[in-house]
Amino acid sequence: MDCAKPESYLAAARQLTDMFRSAGIPEASLQANLLLQHVGKMTPAEWLVRRDGEIPAEAWNTLCGLAERRLARVPLQYLLGEQEFMGIRFRVTPDVLIPRQDTEHAVSEALACCEGARVLDMCTGSGCIAVSIALLGKPASVTGVDISEAAIAVAKSNAEANGASVQWIVSDMFSEVSGEYDVIVSNPPYIPPEQLCELEPEVKDYEPRLALYGGEDGLAYYRVLAREGAKHLRPAKHGEKGGVLIVEIGFDQGISVPALFREAGFCDVSVKKDYAGLDRVVVGHL
């Protein structure tokens, strides 16, 4: 990147936009503006007022370093250190998957049935699901589980920063989990190997493989969730449904995952679509 400092924030944004566009980075102008707002410590409103002002040398030098990393396809969210999800700001690091809008569909399904419920978020990562449910729903309790101690540390920091009450467990799926829950929700790893190589560089080269790879057929974690989840959910009794399992799925898993649910004894299994009309969430009751 040419590190000759331009006269203004806006001139820097234009220069950065051209570089991002030439490198094939999507939403080049938006990403350039977000980086300028970040180094200038501006809100979007302040950007509109201050963008014609001179960019300080320190801010420009910081921008040069961040731009080089973005050109190397480091995800913008890791550079900014945060991502919005369900209207809540979450800290993100390379130890956790970046929260995505697709996952908000699973949270919405959980919020519809979490009042007074004991909720377990399996494969919690950044804690975006657990924290969102704790803040936006009225659960009796929320527990977040992940095999990665580093991910749990990030999740804890997000709960503390947002004032959410969540219990955290480091566990290889259900190995350290005990007790009974009313709702289990999960965005597990579900990418098979042939799709991993097709992902954008930002994802395959920088996001944690542990949070992406779902086994040889992409279904390894769903098998555990269906089998072990059934053991940790409130059973059906007195003619009432039991606990509910809610999972995010890949666009091509709308038949295979419901079949695993039914094999494990779940009933009223349904598939919910995302805003693009793709299969995105599977819900099943005991």
C-alpha atoms as a PDB file:
ATOM      1  CA  MET A   1       0.000   0.000   0.000  1.00  0.00           C
ATOM      2  CA  ASP A   2       1.218   3.497  -0.878  1.00  0.00           C
ATOM      3  CA  CYS A   3       1.816   5.041   2.540  1.00  0.00           C
ATOM      4  CA  ALA A   4       2.091   8.661   1.325  1.00  0.00           C
ATOM      5  CA  LYS A   5      -0.494  10.249   3.604  1.00  0.00           C
ATOM      6  CA  PRO A   6      -3.452  11.816   1.761  1.00  0.00           C
ATOM      7  CA  GLU A   7      -4.911  15.139   2.850  1.00  0.00           C
ATOM      8  CA  SER A   8      -8.179  13.921   4.342  1.00  0.00           C
ATOM      9  CA  TYR A   9     -10.033  10.896   5.691  1.00  0.00           C
ATOM     10  CA  LEU A  10     -12.219  10.960   2.594  1.00  0.00           C
ATOM     11  CA  ALA A  11      -9.223  10.935   0.248  1.00  0.00           C
ATOM     12  CA  ALA A  12      -7.823   7.999   2.215  1.00  0.00           C
ATOM     13  CA  ALA A  13     -11.141   6.189   1.894  1.00  0.00           C
ATOM     14  CA  ARG A  14     -11.151   6.676  -1.880  1.00  0.00           C
ATOM     15  CA  GLN A  15      -7.579   5.416  -2.172  1.00  0.00           C
ATOM     16  CA  LEU A  16      -8.345   2.390  -0.027  1.00  0.00           C
ATOM     17  CA  THR A  17     -11.544   1.657  -1.935  1.00  0.00           C
ATOM     18  CA  ASP A  18      -9.644   1.527  -5.229  1.00  0.00           C
ATOM     19  CA  MET A  19      -7.081  -0.862  -3.744  1.00  0.00           C
ATOM     20  CA  PHE A  20      -9.719  -3.144  -2.265  1.00  0.00           C
ATOM     21  CA  ARG A  21     -11.676  -3.161  -5.503  1.00  0.00           C
ATOM     22  CA  SER A  22      -8.582  -4.083  -7.508  1.00  0.00           C
ATOM     23  CA  ALA A  23      -7.891  -6.933  -5.075  1.00  0.00           C
ATOM     24  CA  GLY A  24     -11.410  -8.311  -5.494  1.00  0.00           C
ATOM     25  CA  ILE A  25     -12.493  -7.558  -1.943  1.00  0.00           C
ATOM     26  CA  PRO A  26     -16.304  -7.323  -1.783  1.00  0.00           C
ATOM     27  CA  GLU A  27     -18.047  -4.145  -0.593  1.00  0.00           C
ATOM     28  CA  ALA A  28     -14.784  -2.265  -1.098  1.00  0.00           C
ATOM     29  CA  SER A  29     -16.158   1.199  -0.342  1.00  0.00           C
ATOM     30  CA  LEU A  30     -18.031   0.107   2.785  1.00  0.00           C
ATOM     31  CA  GLN A  31     -15.032  -1.778   4.139  1.00  0.00           C
ATOM     32  CA  ALA A  32     -12.710   1.163   3.471  1.00  0.00           C
ATOM     33  CA  ASN A  33     -15.079   3.515   5.289  1.00  0.00           C
ATOM     34  CA  LEU A  34     -15.377   1.151   8.260  1.00  0.00           C
ATOM     35  CA  LEU A  35     -11.592   0.947   8.606  1.00  0.00           C
ATOM     36  CA  LEU A  36     -11.324   4.747   8.460  1.00  0.00           C
ATOM     37  CA  GLN A  37     -14.023   5.094  11.100  1.00  0.00           C
ATOM     38  CA  HIS A  38     -12.142   2.579  13.230  1.00  0.00           C
ATOM     39  CA  VAL A  39      -8.750   4.298  13.094  1.00  0.00           C
ATOM     40  CA  GLY A  40     -10.408   7.694  13.520  1.00  0.00           C
ATOM     41  CA  LYS A  41     -12.493   6.451  16.463  1.00  0.00           C
ATOM     42  CA  MET A  42     -15.656   7.757  14.805  1.00  0.00           C
ATOM     43  CA  THR A  43     -19.270   6.687  14.844  1.00  0.00           C
ATOM     44  CA  PRO A  44     -21.004   6.555  11.428  1.00  0.00           C
ATOM     45  CA  ALA A  45     -22.577   9.947  12.201  1.00  0.00           C
ATOM     46  CA  GLU A  46     -19.206  11.441  13.136  1.00  0.00           C
ATOM     47  CA  TRP A  47     -17.745  10.067   9.906  1.00  0.00           C
ATOM     48  CA  LEU A  48     -20.182  12.172   7.871  1.00  0.00           C
ATOM     49  CA  VAL A  49     -19.096  15.292   9.756  1.00  0.00           C
ATOM     50  CA  ARG A  50     -15.343  14.652  10.006  1.00  0.00           C
ATOM     51  CA  ARG A  51     -14.475  12.804   6.801  1.00  0.00           C
ATOM     52  CA  ASP A  52     -13.243  15.977   5.042  1.00  0.00           C
ATOM     53  CA  GLY A  53     -10.856  16.696   7.900  1.00  0.00           C
ATOM     54  CA  GLU A  54      -7.129  15.960   7.924  1.00  0.00           C
ATOM     55  CA  ILE A  55      -6.173  12.413   8.828  1.00  0.00           C
ATOM     56  CA  PRO A  56      -3.502  12.409  11.572  1.00  0.00           C
ATOM     57  CA  ALA A  57      -0.218  10.657  10.805  1.00  0.00           C
ATOM     58  CA  GLU A  58      -0.773   8.124  13.610  1.00  0.00           C
ATOM     59  CA  ALA A  59      -4.209   7.169  12.271  1.00  0.00           C
ATOM     60  CA  TRP A  60      -2.805   6.872   8.743  1.00  0.00           C
ATOM     61  CA  ASN A  61       0.037   4.615   9.861  1.00  0.00           C
ATOM     62  CA  THR A  62      -2.427   2.395  11.728  1.00  0.00           C
ATOM     63  CA  LEU A  63      -4.629   2.285   8.636  1.00  0.00           C
ATOM     64  CA  CYS A  64      -1.707   1.232   6.430  1.00  0.00           C
ATOM     65  CA  GLY A  65      -1.061  -1.766   8.652  1.00  0.00           C
ATOM     66  CA  LEU A  66      -4.719  -2.781   8.767  1.00  0.00           C
ATOM     67  CA  ALA A  67      -5.111  -2.327   5.011  1.00  0.00           C
ATOM     68  CA  GLU A  68      -2.156  -4.609   4.305  1.00  0.00           C
ATOM     69  CA  ARG A  69      -3.752  -7.299   6.460  1.00  0.00           C
ATOM     70  CA  ARG A  70      -7.133  -6.852   4.761  1.00  0.00           C
ATOM     71  CA  LEU A  71      -5.461  -7.140   1.358  1.00  0.00           C
ATOM     72  CA  ALA A  72      -4.041 -10.444   2.646  1.00  0.00           C
ATOM     73  CA  ARG A  73      -7.738 -11.388   3.192  1.00  0.00           C
ATOM     74  CA  VAL A  74      -7.741 -11.235   6.987  1.00  0.00           C
ATOM     75  CA  PRO A  75     -11.471 -10.810   7.791  1.00  0.00           C
ATOM     76  CA  LEU A  76     -12.550  -7.247   8.457  1.00  0.00           C
ATOM     77  CA  GLN A  77     -14.240  -8.320  11.711  1.00  0.00           C
ATOM     78  CA  TYR A  78     -10.939  -9.581  13.115  1.00  0.00           C
ATOM     79  CA  LEU A  79      -9.307  -6.266  12.212  1.00  0.00           C
ATOM     80  CA  LEU A  80     -12.086  -4.277  13.869  1.00  0.00           C
ATOM     81  CA  GLY A  81     -12.286  -6.742  16.746  1.00  0.00           C
ATOM     82  CA  GLU A  82     -16.066  -6.879  16.778  1.00  0.00           C
ATOM     83  CA  GLN A  83     -19.224  -7.894  14.954  1.00  0.00           C
ATOM     84  CA  GLU A  84     -22.866  -7.004  15.488  1.00  0.00           C
ATOM     85  CA  PHE A  85     -25.324  -9.860  16.015  1.00  0.00           C
ATOM     86  CA  MET A  86     -28.990  -9.557  17.006  1.00  0.00           C
ATOM     87  CA  GLY A  87     -28.340  -5.847  17.538  1.00  0.00           C
ATOM     88  CA  ILE A  88     -25.627  -6.622  20.113  1.00  0.00           C
ATOM     89  CA  ARG A  89     -21.897  -5.911  19.768  1.00  0.00           C
ATOM     90  CA  PHE A  90     -19.680  -8.973  20.155  1.00  0.00           C
ATOM     91  CA  ARG A  91     -15.922  -9.102  20.504  1.00  0.00           C
ATOM     92  CA  VAL A  92     -14.375 -11.486  17.971  1.00  0.00           C
ATOM     93  CA  THR A  93     -10.869 -12.898  17.654  1.00  0.00           C
ATOM     94  CA  PRO A  94      -9.331 -15.603  15.415  1.00  0.00           C
ATOM     95  CA  ASP A  95     -10.224 -18.059  18.207  1.00  0.00           C
ATOM     96  CA  VAL A  96     -13.919 -17.870  17.319  1.00  0.00           C
ATOM     97  CA  LEU A  97     -16.154 -18.046  14.282  1.00  0.00           C
ATOM     98  CA  ILE A  98     -17.432 -14.648  13.182  1.00  0.00           C
ATOM     99  CA  PRO A  99     -21.167 -14.347  14.031  1.00  0.00           C
ATOM    100  CA  ARG A 100     -23.355 -14.294  10.932  1.00  0.00           C
ATOM    101  CA  GLN A 101     -26.875 -13.171  10.159  1.00  0.00           C
ATOM    102  CA  ASP A 102     -27.821 -16.723   9.154  1.00  0.00           C
ATOM    103  CA  THR A 103     -27.412 -17.797  12.774  1.00  0.00           C
ATOM    104  CA  GLU A 104     -29.944 -15.199  13.915  1.00  0.00           C
ATOM    105  CA  HIS A 105     -32.648 -17.519  12.560  1.00  0.00           C
ATOM    106  CA  ALA A 106     -31.678 -20.172  15.114  1.00  0.00           C
ATOM    107  CA  VAL A 107     -31.730 -17.572  17.891  1.00  0.00           C
ATOM    108  CA  SER A 108     -35.192 -16.410  16.826  1.00  0.00           C
ATOM    109  CA  GLU A 109     -36.479 -19.983  17.045  1.00  0.00           C
ATOM    110  CA  ALA A 110     -34.958 -20.349  20.514  1.00  0.00           C
ATOM    111  CA  LEU A 111     -36.403 -17.041  21.719  1.00  0.00           C
ATOM    112  CA  ALA A 112     -39.868 -18.244  20.763  1.00  0.00           C
ATOM    113  CA  CYS A 113     -39.678 -21.079  23.306  1.00  0.00           C
ATOM    114  CA  CYS A 114     -37.160 -20.000  25.951  1.00  0.00           C
ATOM    115  CA  GLU A 115     -39.295 -18.152  28.503  1.00  0.00           C
ATOM    116  CA  GLY A 116     -38.673 -19.773  31.873  1.00  0.00           C
ATOM    117  CA  ALA A 117     -36.522 -22.414  30.162  1.00  0.00           C
ATOM    118  CA  ARG A 118     -33.141 -23.908  30.948  1.00  0.00           C
ATOM    119  CA  VAL A 119     -31.196 -23.278  27.739  1.00  0.00           C
ATOM    120  CA  LEU A 120     -27.964 -24.911  26.566  1.00  0.00           C
ATOM    121  CA  ASP A 121     -25.925 -23.437  23.693  1.00  0.00           C
ATOM    122  CA  MET A 122     -23.615 -26.158  22.357  1.00  0.00           C
ATOM    123  CA  CYS A 123     -20.529 -25.071  20.354  1.00  0.00           C
ATOM    124  CA  THR A 124     -20.970 -21.540  21.679  1.00  0.00           C
ATOM    125  CA  GLY A 125     -17.866 -19.958  20.096  1.00  0.00           C
ATOM    126  CA  SER A 126     -18.087 -16.189  20.675  1.00  0.00           C
ATOM    127  CA  GLY A 127     -21.142 -16.764  22.854  1.00  0.00           C
ATOM    128  CA  CYS A 128     -23.341 -14.833  20.426  1.00  0.00           C
ATOM    129  CA  ILE A 129     -26.240 -17.306  20.714  1.00  0.00           C
ATOM    130  CA  ALA A 130     -26.075 -17.746  24.494  1.00  0.00           C
ATOM    131  CA  VAL A 131     -25.650 -14.037  25.241  1.00  0.00           C
ATOM    132  CA  SER A 132     -28.412 -13.031  22.809  1.00  0.00           C
ATOM    133  CA  ILE A 133     -30.860 -15.476  24.391  1.00  0.00           C
ATOM    134  CA  ALA A 134     -29.914 -14.332  27.891  1.00  0.00           C
ATOM    135  CA  LEU A 135     -30.444 -10.675  26.979  1.00  0.00           C
ATOM    136  CA  LEU A 136     -33.393 -10.852  24.598  1.00  0.00           C
ATOM    137  CA  GLY A 137     -35.374 -13.759  26.069  1.00  0.00           C
ATOM    138  CA  LYS A 138     -36.602 -14.584  29.537  1.00  0.00           C
ATOM    139  CA  PRO A 139     -34.876 -17.917  30.205  1.00  0.00           C
ATOM    140  CA  ALA A 140     -34.506 -19.420  33.659  1.00  0.00           C
ATOM    141  CA  SER A 141     -30.832 -20.039  32.878  1.00  0.00           C
ATOM    142  CA  VAL A 142     -28.413 -20.150  29.944  1.00  0.00           C
ATOM    143  CA  THR A 143     -25.314 -22.338  29.647  1.00  0.00           C
ATOM    144  CA  GLY A 144     -22.722 -22.070  26.874  1.00  0.00           C
ATOM    145  CA  VAL A 145     -20.444 -24.999  25.974  1.00  0.00           C
ATOM    146  CA  ASP A 146     -17.347 -25.200  23.788  1.00  0.00           C
ATOM    147  CA  ILE A 147     -14.325 -27.485  23.505  1.00  0.00           C
ATOM    148  CA  SER A 148     -12.022 -24.479  23.098  1.00  0.00           C
ATOM    149  CA  GLU A 149     -10.854 -22.725  26.260  1.00  0.00           C
ATOM    150  CA  ALA A 150      -9.859 -19.737  24.128  1.00  0.00           C
ATOM    151  CA  ALA A 151     -13.366 -19.519  22.690  1.00  0.00           C
ATOM    152  CA  ILE A 152     -14.920 -19.733  26.151  1.00  0.00           C
ATOM    153  CA  ALA A 153     -12.661 -16.859  27.255  1.00  0.00           C
ATOM    154  CA  VAL A 154     -14.007 -14.724  24.398  1.00  0.00           C
ATOM    155  CA  ALA A 155     -17.590 -15.773  25.197  1.00  0.00           C
ATOM    156  CA  LYS A 156     -17.119 -14.845  28.867  1.00  0.00           C
ATOM    157  CA  SER A 157     -15.826 -11.412  27.898  1.00  0.00           C
ATOM    158  CA  ASN A 158     -18.864 -10.864  25.679  1.00  0.00           C
ATOM    159  CA  ALA A 159     -21.260 -11.843  28.459  1.00  0.00           C
ATOM    160  CA  GLU A 160     -19.515  -9.499  30.897  1.00  0.00           C
ATOM    161  CA  ALA A 161     -19.385  -6.605  28.410  1.00  0.00           C
ATOM    162  CA  ASN A 162     -23.110  -6.917  27.681  1.00  0.00           C
ATOM    163  CA  GLY A 163     -24.275  -7.691  31.216  1.00  0.00           C
ATOM    164  CA  ALA A 164     -25.569 -11.180  30.384  1.00  0.00           C
ATOM    165  CA  SER A 165     -25.856 -13.967  32.948  1.00  0.00           C
ATOM    166  CA  VAL A 166     -24.480 -17.155  31.365  1.00  0.00           C
ATOM    167  CA  GLN A 167     -22.732 -20.208  32.798  1.00  0.00           C
ATOM    168  CA  TRP A 168     -19.790 -21.478  30.738  1.00  0.00           C
ATOM    169  CA  ILE A 169     -18.453 -25.029  30.409  1.00  0.00           C
ATOM    170  CA  VAL A 170     -15.344 -26.230  28.575  1.00  0.00           C
ATOM    171  CA  SER A 171     -16.391 -29.595  27.177  1.00  0.00           C
ATOM    172  CA  ASP A 172     -15.978 -31.858  24.177  1.00  0.00           C
ATOM    173  CA  MET A 173     -19.655 -31.732  23.208  1.00  0.00           C
ATOM    174  CA  PHE A 174     -21.635 -33.299  26.109  1.00  0.00           C
ATOM    175  CA  SER A 175     -18.712 -35.011  27.899  1.00  0.00           C
ATOM    176  CA  GLU A 176     -18.690 -32.504  30.796  1.00  0.00           C
ATOM    177  CA  VAL A 177     -22.378 -31.576  30.626  1.00  0.00           C
ATOM    178  CA  SER A 178     -24.832 -32.827  33.217  1.00  0.00           C
ATOM    179  CA  GLY A 179     -28.425 -32.082  34.042  1.00  0.00           C
ATOM    180  CA  GLU A 180     -31.569 -31.579  32.026  1.00  0.00           C
ATOM    181  CA  TYR A 181     -32.473 -28.728  29.716  1.00  0.00           C
ATOM    182  CA  ASP A 182     -35.650 -27.464  28.082  1.00  0.00           C
ATOM    183  CA  VAL A 183     -33.915 -26.059  25.002  1.00  0.00           C
ATOM    184  CA  ILE A 184     -30.648 -27.017  23.316  1.00  0.00           C
ATOM    185  CA  VAL A 185     -29.531 -24.752  20.489  1.00  0.00           C
ATOM    186  CA  SER A 186     -26.405 -25.109  18.380  1.00  0.00           C
ATOM    187  CA  ASN A 187     -24.548 -23.787  15.372  1.00  0.00           C
ATOM    188  CA  PRO A 188     -22.127 -26.712  15.072  1.00  0.00           C
ATOM    189  CA  PRO A 189     -19.332 -27.231  12.539  1.00  0.00           C
ATOM    190  CA  TYR A 190     -21.022 -28.575   9.401  1.00  0.00           C
ATOM    191  CA  ILE A 191     -18.728 -28.013   6.416  1.00  0.00           C
ATOM    192  CA  PRO A 192     -17.564 -31.206   4.629  1.00  0.00           C
ATOM    193  CA  PRO A 193     -14.015 -31.339   3.228  1.00  0.00           C
ATOM    194  CA  GLU A 194     -14.990 -30.796  -0.411  1.00  0.00           C
ATOM    195  CA  GLN A 195     -16.704 -27.521   0.514  1.00  0.00           C
ATOM    196  CA  LEU A 196     -13.916 -26.275   2.770  1.00  0.00           C
ATOM    197  CA  CYS A 197     -11.623 -25.676  -0.194  1.00  0.00           C
ATOM    198  CA  GLU A 198     -14.357 -23.666  -1.934  1.00  0.00           C
ATOM    199  CA  LEU A 199     -14.828 -21.168   0.882  1.00  0.00           C
ATOM    200  CA  GLU A 200     -13.670 -17.572   0.614  1.00  0.00           C
ATOM    201  CA  PRO A 201     -10.049 -17.017   1.722  1.00  0.00           C
ATOM    202  CA  GLU A 202     -11.304 -15.010   4.713  1.00  0.00           C
ATOM    203  CA  VAL A 203     -13.068 -18.115   5.989  1.00  0.00           C
ATOM    204  CA  LYS A 204     -10.870 -21.057   5.042  1.00  0.00           C
ATOM    205  CA  ASP A 205      -7.564 -19.333   5.814  1.00  0.00           C
ATOM    206  CA  TYR A 206      -8.426 -17.407   8.976  1.00  0.00           C
ATOM    207  CA  GLU A 207     -11.524 -18.634  10.788  1.00  0.00           C
ATOM    208  CA  PRO A 208     -10.932 -21.592  13.157  1.00  0.00           C
ATOM    209  CA  ARG A 209     -11.136 -24.899  11.317  1.00  0.00           C
ATOM    210  CA  LEU A 210     -12.403 -26.439  14.550  1.00  0.00           C
ATOM    211  CA  ALA A 211     -15.563 -24.357  14.163  1.00  0.00           C
ATOM    212  CA  LEU A 212     -16.028 -25.219  10.480  1.00  0.00           C
ATOM    213  CA  TYR A 213     -15.163 -28.847   9.711  1.00  0.00           C
ATOM    214  CA  GLY A 214     -18.125 -31.146  10.259  1.00  0.00           C
ATOM    215  CA  GLY A 215     -16.497 -34.476   9.435  1.00  0.00           C
ATOM    216  CA  GLU A 216     -16.329 -36.352   6.159  1.00  0.00           C
ATOM    217  CA  ASP A 217     -20.015 -35.829   5.386  1.00  0.00           C
ATOM    218  CA  GLY A 218     -20.576 -32.647   7.405  1.00  0.00           C
ATOM    219  CA  LEU A 219     -22.949 -34.476   9.777  1.00  0.00           C
ATOM    220  CA  ALA A 220     -20.633 -35.653  12.566  1.00  0.00           C
ATOM    221  CA  TYR A 221     -21.773 -33.077  15.113  1.00  0.00           C
ATOM    222  CA  TYR A 222     -25.453 -33.447  14.239  1.00  0.00           C
ATOM    223  CA  ARG A 223     -25.244 -37.144  15.075  1.00  0.00           C
ATOM    224  CA  VAL A 224     -23.885 -36.289  18.528  1.00  0.00           C
ATOM    225  CA  LEU A 225     -26.399 -33.493  19.023  1.00  0.00           C
ATOM    226  CA  ALA A 226     -29.339 -35.739  18.150  1.00  0.00           C
ATOM    227  CA  ARG A 227     -28.141 -38.763  20.137  1.00  0.00           C
ATOM    228  CA  GLU A 228     -26.721 -37.041  23.221  1.00  0.00           C
ATOM    229  CA  GLY A 229     -29.033 -34.067  23.097  1.00  0.00           C
ATOM    230  CA  ALA A 230     -31.992 -36.402  23.559  1.00  0.00           C
ATOM    231  CA  LYS A 231     -30.414 -37.577  26.828  1.00  0.00           C
ATOM    232  CA  HIS A 232     -30.106 -34.040  28.171  1.00  0.00           C
ATOM    233  CA  LEU A 233     -33.512 -32.683  27.174  1.00  0.00           C
ATOM    234  CA  ARG A 234     -36.645 -32.730  29.299  1.00  0.00           C
ATOM    235  CA  PRO A 235     -38.631 -35.826  28.259  1.00  0.00           C
ATOM    236  CA  ALA A 236     -42.223 -35.702  27.046  1.00  0.00           C
ATOM    237  CA  LYS A 237     -44.799 -36.599  29.691  1.00  0.00           C
ATOM    238  CA  HIS A 238     -48.506 -36.311  30.473  1.00  0.00           C
ATOM    239  CA  GLY A 239     -49.273 -35.736  26.819  1.00  0.00           C
ATOM    240  CA  GLU A 240     -46.994 -32.687  26.603  1.00  0.00           C
ATOM    241  CA  LYS A 241     -44.016 -32.307  24.310  1.00  0.00           C
ATOM    242  CA  GLY A 242     -40.545 -32.631  25.773  1.00  0.00           C
ATOM    243  CA  GLY A 243     -37.553 -30.394  25.280  1.00  0.00           C
ATOM    244  CA  VAL A 244     -36.612 -28.887  21.924  1.00  0.00           C
ATOM    245  CA  LEU A 245     -33.413 -29.167  19.877  1.00  0.00           C
ATOM    246  CA  ILE A 246     -32.658 -26.289  17.488  1.00  0.00           C
ATOM    247  CA  VAL A 247     -29.700 -26.357  15.093  1.00  0.00           C
ATOM    248  CA  GLU A 248     -28.387 -24.271  12.259  1.00  0.00           C
ATOM    249  CA  ILE A 249     -27.654 -26.314   9.111  1.00  0.00           C
ATOM    250  CA  GLY A 250     -25.958 -25.925   5.770  1.00  0.00           C
ATOM    251  CA  PHE A 251     -28.132 -25.099   2.765  1.00  0.00           C
ATOM    252  CA  ASP A 252     -27.926 -28.700   1.503  1.00  0.00           C
ATOM    253  CA  GLN A 253     -28.643 -30.479   4.814  1.00  0.00           C
ATOM    254  CA  GLY A 254     -32.392 -29.990   4.983  1.00  0.00           C
ATOM    255  CA  ILE A 255     -33.082 -33.688   4.446  1.00  0.00           C
ATOM    256  CA  SER A 256     -30.155 -35.406   6.163  1.00  0.00           C
ATOM    257  CA  VAL A 257     -30.297 -33.556   9.494  1.00  0.00           C
ATOM    258  CA  PRO A 258     -34.067 -33.996  10.040  1.00  0.00           C
ATOM    259  CA  ALA A 259     -33.579 -37.714   9.331  1.00  0.00           C
ATOM    260  CA  LEU A 260     -30.977 -37.874  12.124  1.00  0.00           C
ATOM    261  CA  PHE A 261     -33.404 -36.133  14.478  1.00  0.00           C
ATOM    262  CA  ARG A 262     -36.165 -38.635  13.734  1.00  0.00           C
ATOM    263  CA  GLU A 263     -33.819 -41.593  14.143  1.00  0.00           C
ATOM    264  CA  ALA A 264     -32.930 -40.278  17.617  1.00  0.00           C
ATOM    265  CA  GLY A 265     -36.599 -40.125  18.633  1.00  0.00           C
ATOM    266  CA  PHE A 266     -37.470 -36.495  17.945  1.00  0.00           C
ATOM    267  CA  CYS A 267     -40.944 -35.679  16.674  1.00  0.00           C
ATOM    268  CA  ASP A 268     -42.574 -32.688  14.953  1.00  0.00           C
ATOM    269  CA  VAL A 269     -39.285 -32.126  13.155  1.00  0.00           C
ATOM    270  CA  SER A 270     -39.399 -29.063  10.921  1.00  0.00           C
ATOM    271  CA  VAL A 271     -37.027 -27.140   8.655  1.00  0.00           C
ATOM    272  CA  LYS A 272     -36.985 -23.330   8.686  1.00  0.00           C
ATOM    273  CA  LYS A 273     -35.695 -21.260   5.791  1.00  0.00           C
ATOM    274  CA  ASP A 274     -33.516 -18.148   5.848  1.00  0.00           C
ATOM    275  CA  TYR A 275     -34.145 -14.821   4.105  1.00  0.00           C
ATOM    276  CA  ALA A 276     -32.724 -16.244   0.867  1.00  0.00           C
ATOM    277  CA  GLY A 277     -35.216 -19.124   0.946  1.00  0.00           C
ATOM    278  CA  LEU A 278     -32.546 -21.716   1.805  1.00  0.00           C
ATOM    279  CA  ASP A 279     -32.923 -24.414   4.459  1.00  0.00           C
ATOM    280  CA  ARG A 280     -31.218 -22.965   7.546  1.00  0.00           C
ATOM    281  CA  VAL A 281     -32.622 -24.286  10.863  1.00  0.00           C
ATOM    282  CA  VAL A 282     -33.959 -27.652  12.017  1.00  0.00           C
ATOM    283  CA  VAL A 283     -36.249 -27.870  15.050  1.00  0.00           C
ATOM    284  CA  GLY A 284     -37.309 -31.089  16.787  1.00  0.00           C
ATOM    285  CA  HIS A 285     -39.173 -31.978  20.004  1.00  0.00           C
ATOM    286  CA  LEU A 286     -38.869 -34.971  22.256  1.00  0.00           C
END
